[in-house]
Amino acid sequence: MRDRGFGGQRVAVGTALAIVAIGVVAIFPALAGANDSPDVVESEGAGFDPAVLEAPVRLEADGKPIDVGEFSKIAHAGPAVADVDGDGDRDLVVGDFPGYFWLFENRRDDRTPKYVAKGKLQAGGEAAKTPVY
């Protein structure tokens, strides 16, 4: 992928495009004419067209920008959206380099999400973790 000035990786999430830059999570709120199928955008040839993106919006939880460096010892972030709690809207899950997943519950709707930090994603009463090395 080619850097477009913001740095990090680009991952399409439904009709939004997330950008990760050293732990700070931002999102492009709309792709003009995009469908709702989640796709990983690997190159400009895979459908990435910077001309159709809105300005990025820094995601917030609890009224503050989401900064993985504030809650994880290594601030590499991997965001994804999914309806984790089964309430019909997409919540934000951010993986960090040590292998933990941080849950941000969406208390509004997919169009205008309002995230609330819920801490580490739990599985079987323990913090969900995947080994990274």
N, C-alpha and C. Protein backbone atom coordinates (compact mmCIF):
# COMPACT_ATOMS: atom_id res chain seq x y z
N MET A 1 0.83 -1.19 0.00
CA MET A 1 0.00 0.00 0.00
C MET A 1 0.86 1.24 0.00
N ARG A 2 0.37 2.26 -0.60
CA ARG A 2 1.09 3.52 -0.67
C ARG A 2 0.58 4.46 0.41
N ASP A 3 1.49 5.12 1.08
CA ASP A 3 1.13 6.07 2.13
C ASP A 3 0.48 7.30 1.50
N ARG A 4 -0.64 7.73 2.06
CA ARG A 4 -1.35 8.90 1.54
C ARG A 4 -1.20 10.09 2.49
N GLY A 5 -0.16 10.09 3.33
CA GLY A 5 0.09 11.25 4.18
C GLY A 5 -0.33 11.06 5.62
N PHE A 6 -1.15 10.04 5.93
CA PHE A 6 -1.57 9.81 7.30
C PHE A 6 -0.76 8.69 7.92
N GLY A 7 -0.23 7.78 7.10
CA GLY A 7 0.59 6.68 7.59
C GLY A 7 -0.25 5.53 8.09
N GLY A 8 0.37 4.42 8.38
CA GLY A 8 -0.31 3.27 8.94
C GLY A 8 -0.92 2.39 7.89
N GLN A 9 -1.87 1.58 8.31
CA GLN A 9 -2.51 0.65 7.39
C GLN A 9 -3.93 1.07 7.11
N ARG A 10 -4.46 0.61 5.99
CA ARG A 10 -5.83 0.94 5.61
C ARG A 10 -6.65 -0.34 5.60
N VAL A 11 -7.77 -0.33 6.28
CA VAL A 11 -8.63 -1.49 6.33
C VAL A 11 -10.06 -1.01 6.11
N ALA A 12 -10.73 -1.52 5.10
CA ALA A 12 -12.11 -1.13 4.86
C ALA A 12 -13.00 -1.85 5.84
N VAL A 13 -13.91 -1.13 6.43
CA VAL A 13 -14.86 -1.71 7.38
C VAL A 13 -16.26 -1.27 6.98
N GLY A 14 -16.95 -2.14 6.27
CA GLY A 14 -18.27 -1.78 5.76
C GLY A 14 -18.15 -0.60 4.82
N THR A 15 -18.86 0.48 5.10
CA THR A 15 -18.79 1.65 4.23
C THR A 15 -17.86 2.71 4.80
N ALA A 16 -16.94 2.29 5.64
CA ALA A 16 -15.98 3.23 6.20
C ALA A 16 -14.58 2.68 5.99
N LEU A 17 -13.61 3.54 6.04
CA LEU A 17 -12.22 3.15 5.88
C LEU A 17 -11.48 3.59 7.12
N ALA A 18 -10.89 2.64 7.83
CA ALA A 18 -10.17 2.96 9.06
C ALA A 18 -8.70 3.17 8.76
N ILE A 19 -8.09 4.06 9.48
CA ILE A 19 -6.66 4.33 9.36
C ILE A 19 -6.05 4.16 10.74
N VAL A 20 -4.91 3.49 10.79
CA VAL A 20 -4.22 3.32 12.06
C VAL A 20 -2.85 3.95 11.92
N ALA A 21 -2.52 4.85 12.80
CA ALA A 21 -1.21 5.50 12.78
C ALA A 21 -0.62 5.45 14.18
N ILE A 22 0.20 4.49 14.42
CA ILE A 22 0.87 4.31 15.70
C ILE A 22 -0.11 4.45 16.86
N GLY A 23 -1.15 3.67 16.84
CA GLY A 23 -2.05 3.59 17.96
C GLY A 23 -3.21 4.55 17.98
N VAL A 24 -3.22 5.56 17.13
CA VAL A 24 -4.33 6.50 17.09
C VAL A 24 -5.31 6.01 16.04
N VAL A 25 -6.57 5.86 16.41
CA VAL A 25 -7.57 5.31 15.51
C VAL A 25 -8.39 6.44 14.91
N ALA A 26 -8.45 6.47 13.58
CA ALA A 26 -9.27 7.45 12.86
C ALA A 26 -10.05 6.70 11.81
N ILE A 27 -11.08 7.31 11.29
CA ILE A 27 -11.91 6.63 10.31
C ILE A 27 -12.39 7.62 9.26
N PHE A 28 -12.44 7.16 8.01
CA PHE A 28 -13.09 7.93 6.96
C PHE A 28 -14.56 7.55 7.01
N PRO A 29 -15.47 8.46 7.29
CA PRO A 29 -16.86 8.11 7.55
C PRO A 29 -17.66 7.61 6.37
N ALA A 30 -17.24 7.86 5.14
CA ALA A 30 -18.07 7.41 4.02
C ALA A 30 -17.22 7.17 2.79
N LEU A 31 -17.62 6.19 2.02
CA LEU A 31 -17.05 5.95 0.70
C LEU A 31 -18.18 6.16 -0.28
N ALA A 32 -18.07 7.14 -1.13
CA ALA A 32 -19.14 7.43 -2.09
C ALA A 32 -19.34 6.25 -3.01
N GLY A 33 -20.55 5.74 -3.06
CA GLY A 33 -20.87 4.64 -3.95
C GLY A 33 -20.39 3.28 -3.48
N ALA A 34 -19.87 3.18 -2.27
CA ALA A 34 -19.38 1.89 -1.78
C ALA A 34 -20.53 1.03 -1.30
N ASN A 35 -20.32 -0.28 -1.33
CA ASN A 35 -21.33 -1.19 -0.79
C ASN A 35 -20.98 -1.53 0.65
N ASP A 36 -21.77 -2.38 1.28
CA ASP A 36 -21.56 -2.71 2.69
C ASP A 36 -20.70 -3.95 2.91
N SER A 37 -20.09 -4.49 1.88
CA SER A 37 -19.27 -5.68 2.09
C SER A 37 -17.91 -5.28 2.62
N PRO A 38 -17.48 -5.92 3.73
CA PRO A 38 -16.17 -5.58 4.28
C PRO A 38 -15.06 -6.18 3.42
N ASP A 39 -14.14 -5.35 3.01
CA ASP A 39 -13.02 -5.78 2.18
C ASP A 39 -11.75 -5.16 2.72
N VAL A 40 -10.66 -5.89 2.62
CA VAL A 40 -9.37 -5.31 2.95
C VAL A 40 -8.85 -4.65 1.69
N VAL A 41 -8.50 -3.39 1.80
CA VAL A 41 -8.00 -2.65 0.66
C VAL A 41 -6.49 -2.79 0.67
N GLU A 42 -5.95 -3.52 -0.31
CA GLU A 42 -4.52 -3.81 -0.32
C GLU A 42 -3.74 -2.92 -1.27
N SER A 43 -4.40 -2.35 -2.24
CA SER A 43 -3.69 -1.49 -3.17
C SER A 43 -4.69 -0.60 -3.88
N GLU A 44 -4.17 0.37 -4.58
CA GLU A 44 -5.06 1.24 -5.34
C GLU A 44 -5.82 0.44 -6.39
N GLY A 45 -5.24 -0.63 -6.91
CA GLY A 45 -5.89 -1.45 -7.91
C GLY A 45 -7.03 -2.28 -7.35
N ALA A 46 -7.17 -2.36 -6.03
CA ALA A 46 -8.23 -3.16 -5.40
C ALA A 46 -9.45 -2.33 -5.06
N GLY A 47 -9.64 -1.20 -5.71
CA GLY A 47 -10.83 -0.41 -5.48
C GLY A 47 -10.61 0.82 -4.62
N PHE A 48 -9.41 1.07 -4.17
CA PHE A 48 -9.14 2.24 -3.34
C PHE A 48 -9.08 3.47 -4.23
N ASP A 49 -9.93 4.43 -3.96
CA ASP A 49 -9.94 5.66 -4.73
C ASP A 49 -9.99 6.82 -3.75
N PRO A 50 -8.84 7.48 -3.50
CA PRO A 50 -8.82 8.55 -2.50
C PRO A 50 -9.72 9.73 -2.85
N ALA A 51 -10.13 9.83 -4.10
CA ALA A 51 -10.97 10.96 -4.51
C ALA A 51 -12.38 10.86 -3.94
N VAL A 52 -12.83 9.69 -3.48
CA VAL A 52 -14.20 9.54 -2.99
C VAL A 52 -14.28 9.54 -1.47
N LEU A 53 -13.19 9.78 -0.78
CA LEU A 53 -13.20 9.74 0.68
C LEU A 53 -13.54 11.09 1.29
N GLU A 54 -14.29 11.05 2.36
CA GLU A 54 -14.53 12.25 3.16
C GLU A 54 -13.28 12.48 4.00
N ALA A 55 -13.19 13.61 4.66
CA ALA A 55 -12.07 13.88 5.55
C ALA A 55 -12.10 12.89 6.72
N PRO A 56 -10.93 12.45 7.21
CA PRO A 56 -10.92 11.50 8.32
C PRO A 56 -11.47 12.13 9.60
N VAL A 57 -12.05 11.29 10.43
CA VAL A 57 -12.59 11.70 11.72
C VAL A 57 -11.89 10.87 12.78
N ARG A 58 -11.31 11.51 13.77
CA ARG A 58 -10.66 10.79 14.85
C ARG A 58 -11.74 10.19 15.74
N LEU A 59 -11.68 8.88 15.95
CA LEU A 59 -12.69 8.22 16.77
C LEU A 59 -12.48 8.53 18.24
N GLU A 60 -13.59 8.66 18.94
CA GLU A 60 -13.57 8.97 20.36
C GLU A 60 -14.37 7.95 21.14
N ALA A 61 -13.99 7.77 22.38
CA ALA A 61 -14.76 6.99 23.35
C ALA A 61 -14.78 7.79 24.63
N ASP A 62 -15.92 7.87 25.24
CA ASP A 62 -16.08 8.62 26.48
C ASP A 62 -15.65 10.08 26.33
N GLY A 63 -15.84 10.63 25.10
CA GLY A 63 -15.54 12.03 24.85
C GLY A 63 -14.07 12.35 24.63
N LYS A 64 -13.19 11.32 24.54
CA LYS A 64 -11.76 11.54 24.33
C LYS A 64 -11.31 10.72 23.13
N PRO A 65 -10.29 11.20 22.38
CA PRO A 65 -9.78 10.41 21.26
C PRO A 65 -9.29 9.04 21.71
N ILE A 66 -9.56 8.03 20.92
CA ILE A 66 -9.09 6.68 21.23
C ILE A 66 -7.61 6.63 20.88
N ASP A 67 -6.77 6.43 21.87
CA ASP A 67 -5.32 6.34 21.69
C ASP A 67 -4.86 5.07 22.39
N VAL A 68 -4.52 4.06 21.60
CA VAL A 68 -4.14 2.76 22.16
C VAL A 68 -2.97 2.89 23.12
N GLY A 69 -2.10 3.85 22.90
CA GLY A 69 -0.97 4.06 23.80
C GLY A 69 -1.37 4.44 25.21
N GLU A 70 -2.60 4.89 25.39
CA GLU A 70 -3.09 5.24 26.73
C GLU A 70 -3.47 4.01 27.55
N PHE A 71 -3.78 2.88 26.91
CA PHE A 71 -4.21 1.71 27.67
C PHE A 71 -3.45 0.44 27.35
N SER A 72 -2.53 0.46 26.43
CA SER A 72 -1.73 -0.71 26.08
C SER A 72 -0.26 -0.34 26.12
N LYS A 73 0.57 -1.28 26.55
CA LYS A 73 2.00 -0.96 26.67
C LYS A 73 2.69 -0.81 25.32
N ILE A 74 2.12 -1.39 24.26
CA ILE A 74 2.65 -1.23 22.92
C ILE A 74 1.50 -0.75 22.04
N ALA A 75 1.64 0.42 21.44
CA ALA A 75 0.52 1.11 20.82
C ALA A 75 0.27 0.81 19.35
N HIS A 76 0.55 -0.39 18.90
CA HIS A 76 0.16 -0.75 17.53
C HIS A 76 -1.30 -1.18 17.58
N ALA A 77 -2.15 -0.64 16.71
CA ALA A 77 -3.58 -0.90 16.77
C ALA A 77 -4.09 -1.55 15.50
N GLY A 78 -5.04 -2.45 15.66
CA GLY A 78 -5.72 -3.08 14.53
C GLY A 78 -7.22 -3.01 14.77
N PRO A 79 -7.91 -2.02 14.16
CA PRO A 79 -9.35 -1.85 14.42
C PRO A 79 -10.22 -2.75 13.55
N ALA A 80 -11.37 -3.09 14.08
CA ALA A 80 -12.40 -3.82 13.34
C ALA A 80 -13.75 -3.42 13.94
N VAL A 81 -14.81 -3.53 13.17
CA VAL A 81 -16.14 -3.28 13.69
C VAL A 81 -16.99 -4.52 13.53
N ALA A 82 -17.79 -4.81 14.54
CA ALA A 82 -18.69 -5.96 14.55
C ALA A 82 -19.73 -5.74 15.63
N ASP A 83 -20.88 -6.37 15.50
CA ASP A 83 -21.91 -6.28 16.53
C ASP A 83 -21.56 -7.28 17.63
N VAL A 84 -20.68 -6.89 18.52
CA VAL A 84 -20.18 -7.78 19.57
C VAL A 84 -21.25 -8.10 20.60
N ASP A 85 -22.07 -7.13 20.97
CA ASP A 85 -23.05 -7.33 22.04
C ASP A 85 -24.45 -7.71 21.54
N GLY A 86 -24.61 -7.89 20.23
CA GLY A 86 -25.88 -8.37 19.68
C GLY A 86 -27.02 -7.38 19.70
N ASP A 87 -26.73 -6.07 19.80
CA ASP A 87 -27.81 -5.08 19.87
C ASP A 87 -28.14 -4.43 18.53
N GLY A 88 -27.52 -4.91 17.44
CA GLY A 88 -27.87 -4.42 16.12
C GLY A 88 -26.97 -3.34 15.54
N ASP A 89 -26.08 -2.76 16.35
CA ASP A 89 -25.13 -1.78 15.81
C ASP A 89 -23.71 -2.35 15.92
N ARG A 90 -22.81 -1.75 15.15
CA ARG A 90 -21.44 -2.26 15.14
C ARG A 90 -20.60 -1.56 16.20
N ASP A 91 -20.01 -2.39 17.06
CA ASP A 91 -19.10 -1.93 18.09
C ASP A 91 -17.69 -1.92 17.50
N LEU A 92 -16.79 -1.21 18.15
CA LEU A 92 -15.41 -1.13 17.71
C LEU A 92 -14.55 -2.05 18.58
N VAL A 93 -13.75 -2.89 17.94
CA VAL A 93 -12.79 -3.73 18.64
C VAL A 93 -11.42 -3.36 18.09
N VAL A 94 -10.49 -3.06 19.00
CA VAL A 94 -9.14 -2.68 18.59
C VAL A 94 -8.15 -3.66 19.19
N GLY A 95 -7.43 -4.37 18.32
CA GLY A 95 -6.39 -5.27 18.78
C GLY A 95 -5.10 -4.51 18.99
N ASP A 96 -4.32 -4.93 20.00
CA ASP A 96 -3.03 -4.29 20.23
C ASP A 96 -1.90 -5.29 19.97
N PHE A 97 -0.67 -4.82 19.96
CA PHE A 97 0.47 -5.67 19.63
C PHE A 97 0.67 -6.81 20.62
N PRO A 98 0.46 -6.63 21.93
CA PRO A 98 0.61 -7.76 22.85
C PRO A 98 -0.44 -8.86 22.65
N GLY A 99 -1.47 -8.61 21.82
CA GLY A 99 -2.44 -9.65 21.51
C GLY A 99 -3.79 -9.50 22.18
N TYR A 100 -4.02 -8.42 22.91
CA TYR A 100 -5.31 -8.19 23.56
C TYR A 100 -6.25 -7.46 22.60
N PHE A 101 -7.54 -7.53 22.91
CA PHE A 101 -8.58 -6.85 22.13
C PHE A 101 -9.33 -5.92 23.07
N TRP A 102 -9.45 -4.66 22.68
CA TRP A 102 -10.10 -3.65 23.49
C TRP A 102 -11.47 -3.35 22.88
N LEU A 103 -12.51 -3.41 23.69
CA LEU A 103 -13.88 -3.24 23.23
C LEU A 103 -14.37 -1.82 23.50
N PHE A 104 -14.98 -1.24 22.46
CA PHE A 104 -15.63 0.07 22.57
C PHE A 104 -17.06 -0.13 22.10
N GLU A 105 -17.98 -0.12 23.06
CA GLU A 105 -19.40 -0.37 22.76
C GLU A 105 -20.02 0.85 22.08
N ASN A 106 -20.75 0.58 21.00
CA ASN A 106 -21.47 1.63 20.29
C ASN A 106 -22.82 1.82 20.97
N ARG A 107 -23.06 2.98 21.53
CA ARG A 107 -24.31 3.25 22.24
C ARG A 107 -25.32 4.01 21.38
N ARG A 108 -24.99 4.23 20.11
CA ARG A 108 -25.90 4.97 19.25
C ARG A 108 -26.27 4.11 18.06
N ASP A 109 -25.77 4.42 16.88
CA ASP A 109 -26.06 3.64 15.67
C ASP A 109 -24.82 3.64 14.79
N ASP A 110 -24.87 2.87 13.69
CA ASP A 110 -23.72 2.76 12.81
C ASP A 110 -23.40 4.06 12.07
N ARG A 111 -24.41 4.84 11.79
CA ARG A 111 -24.21 6.09 11.04
C ARG A 111 -23.53 7.16 11.88
N THR A 112 -23.91 7.26 13.15
CA THR A 112 -23.33 8.25 14.07
C THR A 112 -22.95 7.55 15.38
N PRO A 113 -21.94 6.71 15.34
CA PRO A 113 -21.61 5.93 16.55
C PRO A 113 -21.14 6.80 17.71
N LYS A 114 -21.45 6.34 18.90
CA LYS A 114 -20.94 6.96 20.13
C LYS A 114 -20.35 5.81 20.94
N TYR A 115 -19.02 5.80 21.04
CA TYR A 115 -18.34 4.68 21.67
C TYR A 115 -18.09 4.93 23.15
N VAL A 116 -18.20 3.84 23.91
CA VAL A 116 -17.91 3.84 25.34
C VAL A 116 -16.88 2.75 25.56
N ALA A 117 -15.76 3.10 26.20
CA ALA A 117 -14.69 2.14 26.47
C ALA A 117 -15.18 1.10 27.47
N LYS A 118 -15.00 -0.19 27.12
CA LYS A 118 -15.42 -1.28 28.00
C LYS A 118 -14.24 -2.12 28.48
N GLY A 119 -13.02 -1.71 28.15
CA GLY A 119 -11.84 -2.45 28.59
C GLY A 119 -11.54 -3.61 27.66
N LYS A 120 -10.79 -4.58 28.18
CA LYS A 120 -10.40 -5.73 27.36
C LYS A 120 -11.60 -6.61 27.08
N LEU A 121 -11.68 -7.09 25.85
CA LEU A 121 -12.72 -8.03 25.45
C LEU A 121 -12.56 -9.29 26.29
N GLN A 122 -13.67 -9.79 26.83
CA GLN A 122 -13.65 -10.96 27.70
C GLN A 122 -14.11 -12.21 26.96
N ALA A 123 -13.47 -13.33 27.26
CA ALA A 123 -13.87 -14.64 26.72
C ALA A 123 -13.67 -15.67 27.82
N GLY A 124 -14.76 -16.31 28.23
CA GLY A 124 -14.67 -17.30 29.29
C GLY A 124 -14.23 -16.71 30.62
N GLY A 125 -14.59 -15.45 30.88
CA GLY A 125 -14.25 -14.82 32.15
C GLY A 125 -12.83 -14.28 32.21
N GLU A 126 -12.09 -14.36 31.11
CA GLU A 126 -10.72 -13.85 31.07
C GLU A 126 -10.57 -12.90 29.89
N ALA A 127 -9.52 -12.09 29.94
CA ALA A 127 -9.23 -11.20 28.82
C ALA A 127 -8.88 -12.04 27.59
N ALA A 128 -9.60 -11.79 26.49
CA ALA A 128 -9.32 -12.50 25.24
C ALA A 128 -7.95 -12.08 24.73
N LYS A 129 -7.17 -13.06 24.31
CA LYS A 129 -5.81 -12.76 23.83
C LYS A 129 -5.43 -13.78 22.78
N THR A 130 -4.70 -13.30 21.79
CA THR A 130 -4.15 -14.19 20.79
C THR A 130 -2.64 -13.99 20.78
N PRO A 131 -1.89 -15.08 20.79
CA PRO A 131 -0.42 -14.91 20.80
C PRO A 131 0.05 -14.27 19.50
N VAL A 132 0.98 -13.34 19.62
CA VAL A 132 1.51 -12.67 18.44
C VAL A 132 2.90 -13.16 18.09
N TYR A 133 3.55 -13.83 19.01
CA TYR A 133 4.85 -14.45 18.74
C TYR A 133 5.14 -15.50 19.77
